[in-house]
PDB file of N, CA and C in Angstrom:
ATOM      1  N   MET A   1      -8.541 -36.091 -67.882  1.00  0.00           N
ATOM      2  CA  MET A   1      -8.109 -35.436 -66.728  1.00  0.00           C
ATOM      3  C   MET A   1      -8.273 -33.572 -67.181  1.00  0.00           C
ATOM      4  N   THR A   2      -8.203 -33.226 -65.562  1.00  0.00           N
ATOM      5  CA  THR A   2      -8.821 -31.868 -65.706  1.00  0.00           C
ATOM      6  C   THR A   2      -7.682 -31.454 -65.705  1.00  0.00           C
ATOM      7  N   ARG A   3      -7.627 -29.914 -66.235  1.00  0.00           N
ATOM      8  CA  ARG A   3      -6.560 -29.010 -66.857  1.00  0.00           C
ATOM      9  C   ARG A   3      -6.329 -28.335 -65.167  1.00  0.00           C
ATOM     10  N   ILE A   4      -4.782 -28.000 -65.077  1.00  0.00           N
ATOM     11  CA  ILE A   4      -4.433 -27.521 -63.582  1.00  0.00           C
ATOM     12  C   ILE A   4      -3.549 -25.996 -63.658  1.00  0.00           C
ATOM     13  N   LYS A   5      -4.414 -24.823 -63.217  1.00  0.00           N
ATOM     14  CA  LYS A   5      -4.337 -23.840 -63.734  1.00  0.00           C
ATOM     15  C   LYS A   5      -3.478 -23.484 -62.507  1.00  0.00           C
ATOM     16  N   ARG A   6      -2.364 -22.933 -62.888  1.00  0.00           N
ATOM     17  CA  ARG A   6      -1.157 -22.562 -61.867  1.00  0.00           C
ATOM     18  C   ARG A   6      -1.156 -20.891 -61.380  1.00  0.00           C
ATOM     19  N   GLY A   7      -2.468 -20.126 -61.331  1.00  0.00           N
ATOM     20  CA  GLY A   7      -2.509 -18.771 -61.439  1.00  0.00           C
ATOM     21  C   GLY A   7      -2.610 -18.199 -59.924  1.00  0.00           C
ATOM     22  N   VAL A   8      -3.023 -19.551 -59.031  1.00  0.00           N
ATOM     23  CA  VAL A   8      -3.166 -19.210 -57.439  1.00  0.00           C
ATOM     24  C   VAL A   8      -2.023 -19.303 -57.057  1.00  0.00           C
ATOM     25  N   MET A   9      -1.099 -20.373 -57.159  1.00  0.00           N
ATOM     26  CA  MET A   9       0.373 -20.327 -56.384  1.00  0.00           C
ATOM     27  C   MET A   9       1.391 -19.374 -56.988  1.00  0.00           C
ATOM     28  N   THR A  10       1.203 -19.094 -58.447  1.00  0.00           N
ATOM     29  CA  THR A  10       2.131 -17.642 -58.916  1.00  0.00           C
ATOM     30  C   THR A  10       1.531 -16.555 -58.196  1.00  0.00           C
ATOM     31  N   HIS A  11       0.518 -15.847 -58.030  1.00  0.00           N
ATOM     32  CA  HIS A  11       0.275 -14.905 -57.622  1.00  0.00           C
ATOM     33  C   HIS A  11       0.853 -14.801 -56.300  1.00  0.00           C
ATOM     34  N   LYS A  12       0.412 -15.949 -55.411  1.00  0.00           N
ATOM     35  CA  LYS A  12       1.005 -16.160 -54.168  1.00  0.00           C
ATOM     36  C   LYS A  12       2.372 -15.784 -53.770  1.00  0.00           C
ATOM     37  N   ARG A  13       3.660 -16.340 -54.772  1.00  0.00           N
ATOM     38  CA  ARG A  13       4.767 -16.436 -54.800  1.00  0.00           C
ATOM     39  C   ARG A  13       5.191 -15.070 -55.099  1.00  0.00           C
ATOM     40  N   HIS A  14       4.389 -14.462 -56.258  1.00  0.00           N
ATOM     41  CA  HIS A  14       4.558 -13.178 -56.298  1.00  0.00           C
ATOM     42  C   HIS A  14       4.524 -12.129 -55.302  1.00  0.00           C
ATOM     43  N   LYS A  15       2.962 -12.486 -54.842  1.00  0.00           N
ATOM     44  CA  LYS A  15       2.768 -11.725 -53.813  1.00  0.00           C
ATOM     45  C   LYS A  15       3.984 -11.456 -52.223  1.00  0.00           C
ATOM     46  N   LYS A  16       4.932 -12.667 -51.921  1.00  0.00           N
ATOM     47  CA  LYS A  16       5.274 -12.569 -51.062  1.00  0.00           C
ATOM     48  C   LYS A  16       6.632 -12.213 -51.350  1.00  0.00           C
ATOM     49  N   ILE A  17       7.145 -12.093 -52.609  1.00  0.00           N
ATOM     50  CA  ILE A  17       8.677 -11.368 -52.598  1.00  0.00           C
ATOM     51  C   ILE A  17       8.415 -10.095 -52.748  1.00  0.00           C
ATOM     52  N   LEU A  18       7.085  -9.628 -53.439  1.00  0.00           N
ATOM     53  CA  LEU A  18       6.755  -8.225 -53.680  1.00  0.00           C
ATOM     54  C   LEU A  18       6.374  -7.480 -52.335  1.00  0.00           C
ATOM     55  N   LYS A  19       6.212  -8.141 -51.069  1.00  0.00           N
ATOM     56  CA  LYS A  19       6.095  -8.080 -49.867  1.00  0.00           C
ATOM     57  C   LYS A  19       7.364  -7.701 -49.329  1.00  0.00           C
ATOM     58  N   ALA A  20       8.518  -8.674 -49.859  1.00  0.00           N
ATOM     59  CA  ALA A  20       9.795  -8.863 -49.147  1.00  0.00           C
ATOM     60  C   ALA A  20      10.352  -7.274 -49.576  1.00  0.00           C
ATOM     61  N   ALA A  21       9.983  -6.954 -50.918  1.00  0.00           N
ATOM     62  CA  ALA A  21      10.834  -5.907 -51.729  1.00  0.00           C
ATOM     63  C   ALA A  21      10.255  -4.710 -51.400  1.00  0.00           C
ATOM     64  N   LYS A  22       9.295  -4.632 -50.165  1.00  0.00           N
ATOM     65  CA  LYS A  22       8.081  -3.106 -50.111  1.00  0.00           C
ATOM     66  C   LYS A  22       9.336  -1.797 -49.832  1.00  0.00           C
ATOM     67  N   GLY A  23      10.185  -1.898 -49.259  1.00  0.00           N
ATOM     68  CA  GLY A  23      11.130  -0.772 -48.822  1.00  0.00           C
ATOM     69  C   GLY A  23      11.880  -0.127 -49.955  1.00  0.00           C
ATOM     70  N   PHE A  24      11.723  -1.055 -51.056  1.00  0.00           N
ATOM     71  CA  PHE A  24      12.897  -0.528 -51.899  1.00  0.00           C
ATOM     72  C   PHE A  24      12.688   0.500 -52.886  1.00  0.00           C
ATOM     73  N   GLN A  25      13.267   1.104 -53.932  1.00  0.00           N
ATOM     74  CA  GLN A  25      13.024   2.226 -54.282  1.00  0.00           C
ATOM     75  C   GLN A  25      12.594   2.121 -55.808  1.00  0.00           C
ATOM     76  N   GLY A  26      12.168   2.896 -56.603  1.00  0.00           N
ATOM     77  CA  GLY A  26      11.711   2.445 -58.108  1.00  0.00           C
ATOM     78  C   GLY A  26      11.020   1.328 -58.260  1.00  0.00           C
ATOM     79  N   ARG A  27      11.254   0.861 -59.663  1.00  0.00           N
ATOM     80  CA  ARG A  27      10.891  -0.730 -59.872  1.00  0.00           C
ATOM     81  C   ARG A  27      11.225  -1.824 -59.344  1.00  0.00           C
ATOM     82  N   GLN A  28      12.053  -1.827 -58.225  1.00  0.00           N
ATOM     83  CA  GLN A  28      12.651  -2.954 -57.395  1.00  0.00           C
ATOM     84  C   GLN A  28      11.618  -3.136 -56.728  1.00  0.00           C
ATOM     85  N   ARG A  29      10.418  -2.158 -56.262  1.00  0.00           N
ATOM     86  CA  ARG A  29       9.479  -2.825 -55.180  1.00  0.00           C
ATOM     87  C   ARG A  29       8.105  -3.196 -56.048  1.00  0.00           C
ATOM     88  N   THR A  30       7.837  -2.884 -57.314  1.00  0.00           N
ATOM     89  CA  THR A  30       6.724  -2.993 -58.102  1.00  0.00           C
ATOM     90  C   THR A  30       6.942  -4.150 -58.946  1.00  0.00           C
ATOM     91  N   ASN A  31       8.107  -4.321 -59.603  1.00  0.00           N
ATOM     92  CA  ASN A  31       8.139  -4.963 -60.508  1.00  0.00           C
ATOM     93  C   ASN A  31       8.912  -6.299 -60.186  1.00  0.00           C
ATOM     94  N   PHE A  32       8.242  -7.666 -60.334  1.00  0.00           N
ATOM     95  CA  PHE A  32       8.507  -9.063 -60.016  1.00  0.00           C
ATOM     96  C   PHE A  32       9.573  -9.397 -59.779  1.00  0.00           C
ATOM     97  N   LYS A  33      10.070  -9.393 -61.268  1.00  0.00           N
ATOM     98  CA  LYS A  33      11.297 -10.147 -61.964  1.00  0.00           C
ATOM     99  C   LYS A  33      12.916  -9.037 -60.935  1.00  0.00           C
ATOM    100  N   LEU A  34      12.742  -7.500 -61.137  1.00  0.00           N
ATOM    101  CA  LEU A  34      13.493  -6.934 -60.636  1.00  0.00           C
ATOM    102  C   LEU A  34      12.857  -7.485 -58.714  1.00  0.00           C
ATOM    103  N   ALA A  35      12.457  -7.287 -58.294  1.00  0.00           N
ATOM    104  CA  ALA A  35      12.229  -7.177 -56.710  1.00  0.00           C
ATOM    105  C   ALA A  35      12.696  -8.982 -56.486  1.00  0.00           C
ATOM    106  N   LYS A  36      12.851  -9.527 -57.425  1.00  0.00           N
ATOM    107  CA  LYS A  36      13.152 -10.737 -56.951  1.00  0.00           C
ATOM    108  C   LYS A  36      14.685 -10.824 -56.506  1.00  0.00           C
ATOM    109  N   ALA A  37      15.217 -10.389 -57.594  1.00  0.00           N
ATOM    110  CA  ALA A  37      17.140 -10.102 -57.564  1.00  0.00           C
ATOM    111  C   ALA A  37      17.108  -9.610 -56.770  1.00  0.00           C
ATOM    112  N   ALA A  38      16.778  -8.080 -56.245  1.00  0.00           N
ATOM    113  CA  ALA A  38      16.696  -7.579 -55.291  1.00  0.00           C
ATOM    114  C   ALA A  38      16.954  -7.772 -53.875  1.00  0.00           C
ATOM    115  N   THR A  39      15.930  -8.737 -53.492  1.00  0.00           N
ATOM    116  CA  THR A  39      15.517  -9.110 -52.394  1.00  0.00           C
ATOM    117  C   THR A  39      16.642 -10.478 -51.972  1.00  0.00           C
ATOM    118  N   LEU A  40      17.166 -11.290 -53.422  1.00  0.00           N
ATOM    119  CA  LEU A  40      17.935 -12.451 -52.967  1.00  0.00           C
ATOM    120  C   LEU A  40      19.524 -11.511 -52.908  1.00  0.00           C
ATOM    121  N   LYS A  41      19.395 -10.346 -53.564  1.00  0.00           N
ATOM    122  CA  LYS A  41      20.906  -9.601 -53.105  1.00  0.00           C
ATOM    123  C   LYS A  41      20.793  -9.353 -51.402  1.00  0.00           C
ATOM    124  N   ALA A  42      19.645  -8.767 -51.357  1.00  0.00           N
ATOM    125  CA  ALA A  42      19.155  -8.283 -49.614  1.00  0.00           C
ATOM    126  C   ALA A  42      19.521  -9.515 -48.769  1.00  0.00           C
ATOM    127  N   LYS A  43      19.275 -10.478 -49.278  1.00  0.00           N
ATOM    128  CA  LYS A  43      19.541 -11.538 -48.133  1.00  0.00           C
ATOM    129  C   LYS A  43      20.361 -11.600 -48.162  1.00  0.00           C
ATOM    130  N   ILE A  44      21.562 -11.891 -49.161  1.00  0.00           N
ATOM    131  CA  ILE A  44      23.021 -11.810 -49.586  1.00  0.00           C
ATOM    132  C   ILE A  44      23.726 -11.107 -48.335  1.00  0.00           C
ATOM    133  N   HIS A  45      23.361  -9.880 -48.708  1.00  0.00           N
ATOM    134  CA  HIS A  45      23.908  -8.900 -47.736  1.00  0.00           C
ATOM    135  C   HIS A  45      23.560  -9.039 -45.954  1.00  0.00           C
ATOM    136  N   ALA A  46      22.417  -9.404 -46.021  1.00  0.00           N
ATOM    137  CA  ALA A  46      21.969  -9.568 -44.851  1.00  0.00           C
ATOM    138  C   ALA A  46      22.893 -10.618 -43.822  1.00  0.00           C
ATOM    139  N   TYR A  47      23.270 -11.778 -44.754  1.00  0.00           N
ATOM    140  CA  TYR A  47      23.891 -13.026 -43.934  1.00  0.00           C
ATOM    141  C   TYR A  47      25.027 -12.396 -43.599  1.00  0.00           C
ATOM    142  N   ARG A  48      25.802 -11.901 -44.593  1.00  0.00           N
ATOM    143  CA  ARG A  48      27.464 -10.997 -44.329  1.00  0.00           C
ATOM    144  C   ARG A  48      27.228 -10.074 -43.371  1.00  0.00           C
ATOM    145  N   ASP A  49      26.269  -9.424 -43.335  1.00  0.00           N
ATOM    146  CA  ASP A  49      26.830  -8.633 -42.433  1.00  0.00           C
ATOM    147  C   ASP A  49      26.424  -8.815 -40.919  1.00  0.00           C
ATOM    148  N   ARG A  50      25.198 -10.148 -40.850  1.00  0.00           N
ATOM    149  CA  ARG A  50      25.368 -10.223 -39.417  1.00  0.00           C
ATOM    150  C   ARG A  50      26.768 -11.001 -38.951  1.00  0.00           C
ATOM    151  N   LYS A  51      27.486 -11.363 -40.040  1.00  0.00           N
ATOM    152  CA  LYS A  51      29.003 -12.091 -39.209  1.00  0.00           C
ATOM    153  C   LYS A  51      29.715 -10.479 -39.223  1.00  0.00           C
ATOM    154  N   LEU A  52      29.640  -9.644 -40.088  1.00  0.00           N
ATOM    155  CA  LEU A  52      30.403  -8.555 -39.657  1.00  0.00           C
ATOM    156  C   LEU A  52      30.289  -7.345 -38.713  1.00  0.00           C
ATOM    157  N   LYS A  53      28.601  -7.676 -38.200  1.00  0.00           N
ATOM    158  CA  LYS A  53      28.410  -7.049 -36.917  1.00  0.00           C
ATOM    159  C   LYS A  53      29.310  -7.497 -35.695  1.00  0.00           C
ATOM    160  N   LYS A  54      29.525  -8.753 -35.534  1.00  0.00           N
ATOM    161  CA  LYS A  54      29.982  -9.193 -34.239  1.00  0.00           C
ATOM    162  C   LYS A  54      31.395  -8.970 -34.273  1.00  0.00           C
ATOM    163  N   ARG A  55      32.003  -8.653 -35.683  1.00  0.00           N
ATOM    164  CA  ARG A  55      33.576  -8.260 -35.986  1.00  0.00           C
ATOM    165  C   ARG A  55      33.461  -6.701 -35.417  1.00  0.00           C
ATOM    166  N   THR A  56      32.303  -6.093 -36.271  1.00  0.00           N
ATOM    167  CA  THR A  56      32.889  -4.847 -35.558  1.00  0.00           C
ATOM    168  C   THR A  56      32.718  -4.597 -34.114  1.00  0.00           C
ATOM    169  N   PHE A  57      31.606  -5.252 -33.760  1.00  0.00           N
ATOM    170  CA  PHE A  57      31.451  -4.805 -32.142  1.00  0.00           C
ATOM    171  C   PHE A  57      32.585  -5.292 -31.137  1.00  0.00           C
ATOM    172  N   ARG A  58      33.202  -6.038 -31.595  1.00  0.00           N
ATOM    173  CA  ARG A  58      34.740  -6.805 -30.984  1.00  0.00           C
ATOM    174  C   ARG A  58      35.492  -5.310 -31.322  1.00  0.00           C
ATOM    175  N   SER A  59      35.694  -4.608 -32.273  1.00  0.00           N
ATOM    176  CA  SER A  59      36.818  -3.645 -32.664  1.00  0.00           C
ATOM    177  C   SER A  59      36.269  -2.697 -31.814  1.00  0.00           C
ATOM    178  N   LEU A  60      35.104  -2.285 -31.391  1.00  0.00           N
ATOM    179  CA  LEU A  60      34.316  -1.127 -30.466  1.00  0.00           C
ATOM    180  C   LEU A  60      35.171  -1.920 -29.283  1.00  0.00           C
ATOM    181  N   TRP A  61      34.625  -2.429 -28.594  1.00  0.00           N
ATOM    182  CA  TRP A  61      34.699  -2.944 -27.126  1.00  0.00           C
ATOM    183  C   TRP A  61      36.410  -3.031 -27.487  1.00  0.00           C
ATOM    184  N   ILE A  62      37.452  -3.282 -27.594  1.00  0.00           N
ATOM    185  CA  ILE A  62      38.765  -3.376 -27.835  1.00  0.00           C
ATOM    186  C   ILE A  62      39.265  -1.682 -27.646  1.00  0.00           C
ATOM    187  N   THR A  63      38.538  -0.960 -28.425  1.00  0.00           N
ATOM    188  CA  THR A  63      39.010   0.073 -28.883  1.00  0.00           C
ATOM    189  C   THR A  63      38.527   1.145 -27.366  1.00  0.00           C
ATOM    190  N   ARG A  64      37.291   1.254 -26.715  1.00  0.00           N
ATOM    191  CA  ARG A  64      36.832   1.457 -25.533  1.00  0.00           C
ATOM    192  C   ARG A  64      37.334   1.018 -24.431  1.00  0.00           C
ATOM    193  N   LEU A  65      38.174  -0.520 -24.399  1.00  0.00           N
ATOM    194  CA  LEU A  65      38.890  -0.889 -23.248  1.00  0.00           C
ATOM    195  C   LEU A  65      40.351  -0.117 -23.226  1.00  0.00           C
ATOM    196  N   SER A  66      40.920   0.138 -24.527  1.00  0.00           N
ATOM    197  CA  SER A  66      42.196   0.592 -24.627  1.00  0.00           C
ATOM    198  C   SER A  66      42.251   2.161 -24.673  1.00  0.00           C
ATOM    199  N   ALA A  67      41.282   2.849 -24.308  1.00  0.00           N
ATOM    200  CA  ALA A  67      41.012   4.077 -24.290  1.00  0.00           C
ATOM    201  C   ALA A  67      41.210   4.445 -22.555  1.00  0.00           C
ATOM    202  N   ALA A  68      40.364   3.354 -21.873  1.00  0.00           N
ATOM    203  CA  ALA A  68      40.345   3.373 -20.523  1.00  0.00           C
ATOM    204  C   ALA A  68      41.098   3.421 -19.769  1.00  0.00           C
ATOM    205  N   ALA A  69      41.683   1.993 -20.300  1.00  0.00           N
ATOM    206  CA  ALA A  69      42.946   1.464 -19.678  1.00  0.00           C
ATOM    207  C   ALA A  69      44.146   2.573 -19.927  1.00  0.00           C
ATOM    208  N   LYS A  70      44.451   3.212 -21.442  1.00  0.00           N
ATOM    209  CA  LYS A  70      45.394   4.409 -20.944  1.00  0.00           C
ATOM    210  C   LYS A  70      45.353   5.506 -20.079  1.00  0.00           C
ATOM    211  N   MET A  71      43.780   5.745 -20.157  1.00  0.00           N
ATOM    212  CA  MET A  71      43.667   6.366 -18.511  1.00  0.00           C
ATOM    213  C   MET A  71      44.471   6.265 -17.310  1.00  0.00           C
ATOM    214  N   HIS A  72      44.355   4.950 -16.790  1.00  0.00           N
ATOM    215  CA  HIS A  72      44.772   4.223 -16.110  1.00  0.00           C
ATOM    216  C   HIS A  72      46.448   3.896 -16.032  1.00  0.00           C
ATOM    217  N   GLY A  73      46.865   4.164 -16.700  1.00  0.00           N
ATOM    218  CA  GLY A  73      48.298   3.949 -17.201  1.00  0.00           C
ATOM    219  C   GLY A  73      48.882   2.758 -17.624  1.00  0.00           C
ATOM    220  N   LEU A  74      48.091   2.055 -18.118  1.00  0.00           N
ATOM    221  CA  LEU A  74      47.761   0.693 -18.929  1.00  0.00           C
ATOM    222  C   LEU A  74      47.754   0.698 -20.131  1.00  0.00           C
ATOM    223  N   ASN A  75      48.359  -0.012 -21.076  1.00  0.00           N
ATOM    224  CA  ASN A  75      47.708  -0.028 -22.445  1.00  0.00           C
ATOM    225  C   ASN A  75      46.959  -1.583 -22.375  1.00  0.00           C
ATOM    226  N   TYR A  76      46.365  -2.119 -23.731  1.00  0.00           N
ATOM    227  CA  TYR A  76      44.994  -3.130 -23.697  1.00  0.00           C
ATOM    228  C   TYR A  76      45.921  -3.843 -23.503  1.00  0.00           C
ATOM    229  N   SER A  77      47.025  -4.481 -24.175  1.00  0.00           N
ATOM    230  CA  SER A  77      47.654  -5.760 -24.195  1.00  0.00           C
ATOM    231  C   SER A  77      47.938  -6.414 -22.817  1.00  0.00           C
ATOM    232  N   LEU A  78      48.375  -4.846 -22.202  1.00  0.00           N
ATOM    233  CA  LEU A  78      48.454  -5.307 -20.911  1.00  0.00           C
ATOM    234  C   LEU A  78      47.765  -5.695 -19.732  1.00  0.00           C
ATOM    235  N   LEU A  79      46.706  -4.861 -20.267  1.00  0.00           N
ATOM    236  CA  LEU A  79      45.438  -5.371 -19.419  1.00  0.00           C
ATOM    237  C   LEU A  79      45.103  -6.743 -19.474  1.00  0.00           C
ATOM    238  N   VAL A  80      45.147  -7.133 -20.627  1.00  0.00           N
ATOM    239  CA  VAL A  80      43.967  -8.543 -21.372  1.00  0.00           C
ATOM    240  C   VAL A  80      45.219  -9.579 -20.450  1.00  0.00           C
ATOM    241  N   LYS A  81      46.653  -9.403 -20.287  1.00  0.00           N
ATOM    242  CA  LYS A  81      47.500 -10.043 -19.799  1.00  0.00           C
ATOM    243  C   LYS A  81      47.732 -10.405 -18.494  1.00  0.00           C
ATOM    244  N   GLN A  82      47.104  -8.982 -17.713  1.00  0.00           N
ATOM    245  CA  GLN A  82      46.644  -9.164 -16.270  1.00  0.00           C
ATOM    246  C   GLN A  82      45.862  -9.990 -16.023  1.00  0.00           C
ATOM    247  N   MET A  83      44.807  -9.587 -16.916  1.00  0.00           N
ATOM    248  CA  MET A  83      43.410 -10.258 -16.286  1.00  0.00           C
ATOM    249  C   MET A  83      43.687 -11.559 -16.800  1.00  0.00           C
ATOM    250  N   LYS A  84      44.330 -12.003 -17.547  1.00  0.00           N
ATOM    251  CA  LYS A  84      44.145 -13.879 -17.482  1.00  0.00           C
ATOM    252  C   LYS A  84      45.466 -14.076 -16.636  1.00  0.00           C
ATOM    253  N   GLU A  85      46.060 -13.395 -15.927  1.00  0.00           N
ATOM    254  CA  GLU A  85      46.805 -14.010 -15.210  1.00  0.00           C
ATOM    255  C   GLU A  85      46.477 -14.036 -13.459  1.00  0.00           C
ATOM    256  N   LYS A  86      45.287 -12.958 -13.448  1.00  0.00           N
ATOM    257  CA  LYS A  86      44.683 -13.240 -11.975  1.00  0.00           C
ATOM    258  C   LYS A  86      43.536 -13.866 -12.603  1.00  0.00           C
ATOM    259  N   SER A  87      43.096 -14.428 -13.350  1.00  0.00           N
ATOM    260  CA  SER A  87      41.824 -15.327 -13.634  1.00  0.00           C
ATOM    261  C   SER A  87      40.434 -14.256 -13.626  1.00  0.00           C
ATOM    262  N   MET A  88      40.575 -13.347 -14.374  1.00  0.00           N
ATOM    263  CA  MET A  88      39.304 -12.123 -13.949  1.00  0.00           C
ATOM    264  C   MET A  88      38.324 -12.675 -15.138  1.00  0.00           C
ATOM    265  N   LEU A  89      37.165 -13.483 -14.951  1.00  0.00           N
ATOM    266  CA  LEU A  89      36.429 -13.835 -15.952  1.00  0.00           C
ATOM    267  C   LEU A  89      35.283 -13.051 -16.688  1.00  0.00           C
ATOM    268  N   LEU A  90      36.014 -11.577 -16.680  1.00  0.00           N
ATOM    269  CA  LEU A  90      35.030 -10.646 -17.262  1.00  0.00           C
ATOM    270  C   LEU A  90      35.309 -10.266 -18.865  1.00  0.00           C
ATOM    271  N   ASP A  91      34.503 -10.710 -19.846  1.00  0.00           N
ATOM    272  CA  ASP A  91      34.391 -10.441 -21.377  1.00  0.00           C
ATOM    273  C   ASP A  91      34.489  -9.301 -21.555  1.00  0.00           C
ATOM    274  N   ARG A  92      34.903  -8.869 -23.238  1.00  0.00           N
ATOM    275  CA  ARG A  92      35.401  -7.508 -23.488  1.00  0.00           C
ATOM    276  C   ARG A  92      33.847  -6.852 -23.316  1.00  0.00           C
ATOM    277  N   LYS A  93      33.405  -7.021 -24.071  1.00  0.00           N
ATOM    278  CA  LYS A  93      31.721  -6.747 -23.699  1.00  0.00           C
ATOM    279  C   LYS A  93      31.347  -6.093 -22.355  1.00  0.00           C
ATOM    280  N   VAL A  94      31.486  -6.865 -21.629  1.00  0.00           N
ATOM    281  CA  VAL A  94      31.203  -6.325 -20.364  1.00  0.00           C
ATOM    282  C   VAL A  94      31.850  -5.367 -19.624  1.00  0.00           C
ATOM    283  N   LEU A  95      33.087  -5.937 -20.015  1.00  0.00           N
ATOM    284  CA  LEU A  95      34.480  -4.733 -19.374  1.00  0.00           C
ATOM    285  C   LEU A  95      34.196  -3.331 -20.165  1.00  0.00           C
ATOM    286  N   SER A  96      34.105  -3.354 -21.509  1.00  0.00           N
ATOM    287  CA  SER A  96      33.858  -2.328 -22.092  1.00  0.00           C
ATOM    288  C   SER A  96      32.586  -1.459 -21.735  1.00  0.00           C
ATOM    289  N   ASN A  97      31.372  -1.983 -21.336  1.00  0.00           N
ATOM    290  CA  ASN A  97      30.378  -1.747 -20.503  1.00  0.00           C
ATOM    291  C   ASN A  97      30.849  -0.892 -19.419  1.00  0.00           C
ATOM    292  N   ILE A  98      31.399  -1.610 -18.728  1.00  0.00           N
ATOM    293  CA  ILE A  98      31.839  -0.984 -17.097  1.00  0.00           C
ATOM    294  C   ILE A  98      32.615   0.351 -17.076  1.00  0.00           C
ATOM    295  N   ALA A  99      33.981  -0.037 -18.338  1.00  0.00           N
ATOM    296  CA  ALA A  99      34.500   1.185 -18.932  1.00  0.00           C
ATOM    297  C   ALA A  99      33.664   2.723 -19.371  1.00  0.00           C
ATOM    298  N   ALA A 100      32.820   2.312 -19.627  1.00  0.00           N
ATOM    299  CA  ALA A 100      32.128   3.616 -20.437  1.00  0.00           C
ATOM    300  C   ALA A 100      30.627   4.145 -19.457  1.00  0.00           C
ATOM    301  N   MET A 101      29.990   3.055 -18.787  1.00  0.00           N
ATOM    302  CA  MET A 101      28.849   3.841 -17.770  1.00  0.00           C
ATOM    303  C   MET A 101      29.572   3.845 -16.220  1.00  0.00           C
ATOM    304  N   TYR A 102      30.704   3.178 -15.974  1.00  0.00           N
ATOM    305  CA  TYR A 102      30.792   3.199 -14.699  1.00  0.00           C
ATOM    306  C   TYR A 102      32.594   3.359 -14.442  1.00  0.00           C
ATOM    307  N   PRO A 103      33.163   4.822 -14.710  1.00  0.00           N
ATOM    308  CA  PRO A 103      34.775   5.088 -14.916  1.00  0.00           C
ATOM    309  C   PRO A 103      35.304   4.668 -13.629  1.00  0.00           C
ATOM    310  N   GLU A 104      34.323   4.761 -12.419  1.00  0.00           N
ATOM    311  CA  GLU A 104      35.015   4.523 -11.023  1.00  0.00           C
ATOM    312  C   GLU A 104      34.965   2.888 -10.824  1.00  0.00           C
ATOM    313  N   VAL A 105      33.996   2.013 -11.544  1.00  0.00           N
ATOM    314  CA  VAL A 105      34.441   0.955 -11.099  1.00  0.00           C
ATOM    315  C   VAL A 105      35.333  -0.061 -11.655  1.00  0.00           C
ATOM    316  N   PHE A 106      35.494   0.738 -12.872  1.00  0.00           N
ATOM    317  CA  PHE A 106      36.722  -0.043 -13.720  1.00  0.00           C
ATOM    318  C   PHE A 106      37.828   0.753 -13.019  1.00  0.00           C
ATOM    319  N   GLY A 107      38.256   1.454 -12.749  1.00  0.00           N
ATOM    320  CA  GLY A 107      39.292   1.584 -12.149  1.00  0.00           C
ATOM    321  C   GLY A 107      39.780   1.041 -10.674  1.00  0.00           C
ATOM    322  N   LYS A 108      38.228   0.603 -10.273  1.00  0.00           N
ATOM    323  CA  LYS A 108      38.753  -0.421  -9.077  1.00  0.00           C
ATOM    324  C   LYS A 108      39.376  -1.740  -9.856  1.00  0.00           C
ATOM    325  N   ILE A 109      38.472  -2.162 -10.711  1.00  0.00           N
ATOM    326  CA  ILE A 109      38.917  -3.289 -11.340  1.00  0.00           C
ATOM    327  C   ILE A 109      40.732  -3.167 -11.832  1.00  0.00           C
ATOM    328  N   ILE A 110      40.854  -2.132 -12.158  1.00  0.00           N
ATOM    329  CA  ILE A 110      42.313  -2.129 -12.643  1.00  0.00           C
ATOM    330  C   ILE A 110      43.293  -2.203 -11.500  1.00  0.00           C
ATOM    331  N   GLU A 111      42.883  -1.144 -10.640  1.00  0.00           N
ATOM    332  CA  GLU A 111      43.667  -1.333  -9.134  1.00  0.00           C
ATOM    333  C   GLU A 111      43.862  -3.137  -8.771  1.00  0.00           C
ATOM    334  N   GLY A 112      42.599  -3.362  -8.543  1.00  0.00           N
ATOM    335  CA  GLY A 112      42.732  -4.881  -8.001  1.00  0.00           C
ATOM    336  C   GLY A 112      43.586  -5.415  -9.410  1.00  0.00           C
ATOM    337  N   LEU A 113      44.091  -5.506 -10.478  1.00  0.00           N
ATOM    338  CA  LEU A 113      44.701  -6.155 -11.328  1.00  0.00           C
ATOM    339  C   LEU A 113      46.334  -5.701 -11.033  1.00  0.00           C
ATOM    340  N   LYS A 114      46.707  -4.858 -10.113  1.00  0.00           N
ATOM    341  CA  LYS A 114      48.107  -4.582  -9.837  1.00  0.00           C
ATOM    342  C   LYS A 114      48.664  -5.166  -8.659  1.00  0.00           C
TER     343      LYS A 114
END
């Protein structure tokens, strides 16, 4: 039987990890062992933060809507309640964008709820 050398695959694997660690600082960028640990940690944070991003944006939209509703004499919870009663199908993202970009249109929406 012939001997199988694994240098090619190892080199390929190392290159893949080091390419993923390209923006890291210090030896984490050049040392395979440290780069492997750092990229694994980075992937864990990326997975977690994709979920956190959704939470953060929802919070931002609610804050924007609350501020815009207060300008029209409502609070956020009353705004949402009245929208559900009137069967308005605008979600928080769209509504907060309207409130931020087109305040006069948002005012008309509020008038339609009353």
